[in-house]
Amino acid sequence: DIDDCKQINDTHGHQYGDMVISQVCQLLKSYCRDSDQLFRFGGEEFALFMQGDASKLRVEEFLKSTLNEIRQTSFGDEQVKLRVTVSIGVCHKVEEQHIDDVMSKSDKALYQVKCTGKDNFLFYEE
């Protein structure tokens, strides 16, 4: 989830909000493997499914790199340069688990990140 995207829309207009969403998506795609699947899940939310051997260490490295890259990137255009952060909820899917359950658990982890300051990631823990 892109943090404070509504504020971008309210301050600079929806064209900049849309531009940031598109540019963040492109950045996320650049970090994905061919076997990963990235989806825009909502207005400023994305879902990434890392298939195959996605160990917790690999996921943590991916998330740290992605968060750092997003923090250091200027989004927008020549007229308006914007810095954004993202908050990420993570859930490991076991084979028999329904995707709705995975999304719900990821969303709970995301909500905890949002409540504790944003610009971070958290693994869902039962």
Protein backbone atom coordinates (compact mmCIF):
# COMPACT_ATOMS: atom_id res chain seq x y z
CA ASP A 1 0.00 0.00 0.00
CA ILE A 2 1.38 3.42 -0.97
CA ASP A 3 1.30 5.55 2.18
CA ASP A 4 -0.76 8.75 2.12
CA CYS A 5 -1.74 8.47 -1.55
CA LYS A 6 -4.96 10.39 -0.84
CA GLN A 7 -2.82 13.32 0.30
CA ILE A 8 -1.00 13.28 -3.07
CA ASN A 9 -4.36 13.34 -4.87
CA ASP A 10 -5.69 16.13 -2.66
CA THR A 11 -2.54 18.26 -2.91
CA HIS A 12 -1.39 17.72 -6.49
CA GLY A 13 -4.40 16.19 -8.26
CA HIS A 14 -5.36 12.69 -9.30
CA GLN A 15 -3.05 12.79 -12.32
CA TYR A 16 -0.08 12.81 -9.92
CA GLY A 17 -1.62 10.15 -7.72
CA ASP A 18 -2.06 7.97 -10.81
CA MET A 19 1.48 8.77 -11.95
CA VAL A 20 2.93 7.73 -8.59
CA ILE A 21 0.92 4.50 -8.61
CA SER A 22 2.19 3.69 -12.11
CA GLN A 23 5.80 4.55 -11.25
CA VAL A 24 5.74 2.53 -8.02
CA CYS A 25 4.32 -0.39 -10.02
CA GLN A 26 7.18 -0.15 -12.52
CA LEU A 27 9.71 -0.10 -9.70
CA LEU A 28 8.10 -3.14 -8.07
CA LYS A 29 8.11 -5.00 -11.40
CA SER A 30 11.84 -4.36 -11.72
CA TYR A 31 12.42 -6.32 -8.50
CA CYS A 32 10.23 -9.27 -9.48
CA ARG A 33 11.40 -12.57 -10.88
CA ASP A 34 9.69 -14.09 -13.92
CA SER A 35 7.84 -16.51 -11.63
CA ASP A 36 6.48 -13.72 -9.39
CA GLN A 37 3.02 -12.27 -10.03
CA LEU A 38 2.29 -8.63 -9.30
CA PHE A 39 -1.26 -7.26 -9.29
CA ARG A 40 -2.79 -3.88 -8.57
CA PHE A 41 -5.25 -4.91 -5.91
CA GLY A 42 -6.98 -1.62 -5.14
CA GLY A 43 -6.53 2.09 -5.60
CA GLU A 44 -2.99 2.25 -4.28
CA GLU A 45 -2.61 -1.34 -3.14
CA PHE A 46 -0.64 -4.09 -4.80
CA ALA A 47 -0.48 -7.83 -4.24
CA LEU A 48 2.67 -9.77 -5.03
CA PHE A 49 2.77 -13.54 -5.14
CA MET A 50 6.30 -14.92 -4.94
CA GLN A 51 6.11 -18.45 -6.22
CA GLY A 52 8.52 -21.30 -5.84
CA ASP A 53 11.36 -21.10 -3.36
CA ALA A 54 10.55 -17.85 -1.62
CA SER A 55 12.16 -18.34 1.78
CA LYS A 56 11.47 -15.84 4.55
CA LEU A 57 15.05 -14.58 4.14
CA ARG A 58 14.52 -14.00 0.38
CA VAL A 59 11.27 -12.17 1.07
CA GLU A 60 12.89 -10.00 3.76
CA GLU A 61 15.77 -9.10 1.44
CA PHE A 62 13.30 -8.27 -1.34
CA LEU A 63 11.23 -6.09 0.99
CA LYS A 64 14.18 -4.22 2.47
CA SER A 65 15.61 -3.50 -0.99
CA THR A 66 12.24 -2.42 -2.32
CA LEU A 67 11.49 -0.15 0.65
CA ASN A 68 14.92 1.50 0.38
CA GLU A 69 14.59 2.01 -3.37
CA ILE A 70 11.15 3.58 -2.99
CA ARG A 71 12.39 5.89 -0.20
CA GLN A 72 15.25 7.12 -2.42
CA THR A 73 13.24 7.60 -5.62
CA SER A 74 11.59 10.84 -6.71
CA PHE A 75 8.22 10.11 -8.27
CA GLY A 76 6.13 12.43 -10.42
CA ASP A 77 7.56 14.52 -13.26
CA GLU A 78 9.73 17.57 -13.91
CA GLN A 79 7.15 19.92 -12.39
CA VAL A 80 6.34 17.97 -9.23
CA LYS A 81 8.82 15.64 -7.52
CA LEU A 82 7.31 13.47 -4.80
CA ARG A 83 8.81 11.19 -2.18
CA VAL A 84 6.61 8.33 -1.06
CA THR A 85 6.79 5.37 1.26
CA VAL A 86 4.93 2.08 1.27
CA SER A 87 3.59 -0.23 3.95
CA ILE A 88 3.59 -3.97 3.37
CA GLY A 89 1.78 -6.89 4.98
CA VAL A 90 3.12 -10.37 4.28
CA CYS A 91 1.60 -13.81 4.64
CA HIS A 92 3.11 -17.18 3.71
CA LYS A 93 0.60 -19.29 1.78
CA VAL A 94 0.54 -22.99 2.44
CA GLU A 95 -0.68 -25.22 -0.36
CA GLU A 96 -4.21 -25.94 0.91
CA GLN A 97 -4.85 -22.35 2.06
CA HIS A 98 -7.47 -20.32 0.18
CA ILE A 99 -6.25 -17.08 -1.38
CA ASP A 100 -8.92 -15.05 0.45
CA ASP A 101 -7.41 -16.22 3.76
CA VAL A 102 -3.93 -15.20 2.60
CA MET A 103 -5.15 -11.77 1.52
CA SER A 104 -7.01 -11.25 4.79
CA LYS A 105 -3.94 -12.14 6.85
CA SER A 106 -1.70 -9.94 4.72
CA ASP A 107 -4.18 -7.12 5.20
CA LYS A 108 -4.09 -7.57 8.99
CA ALA A 109 -0.29 -7.34 8.94
CA LEU A 110 -0.52 -4.26 6.69
CA TYR A 111 -2.94 -2.62 9.12
CA GLN A 112 -0.48 -3.19 11.97
CA VAL A 113 2.28 -1.53 9.94
CA LYS A 114 -0.01 1.44 9.24
CA CYS A 115 -0.82 1.74 12.96
CA THR A 116 2.83 1.70 13.99
CA GLY A 117 4.19 4.39 11.71
CA LYS A 118 4.01 3.13 8.09
CA ASP A 119 7.04 2.76 5.78
CA ASN A 120 7.78 -0.80 6.85
CA PHE A 121 6.73 -4.42 6.44
CA LEU A 122 5.41 -7.07 8.78
CA PHE A 123 4.88 -10.81 8.47
CA TYR A 124 1.50 -12.07 9.65
CA GLU A 125 2.01 -14.21 12.74
CA GLU A 126 -0.76 -16.29 14.29
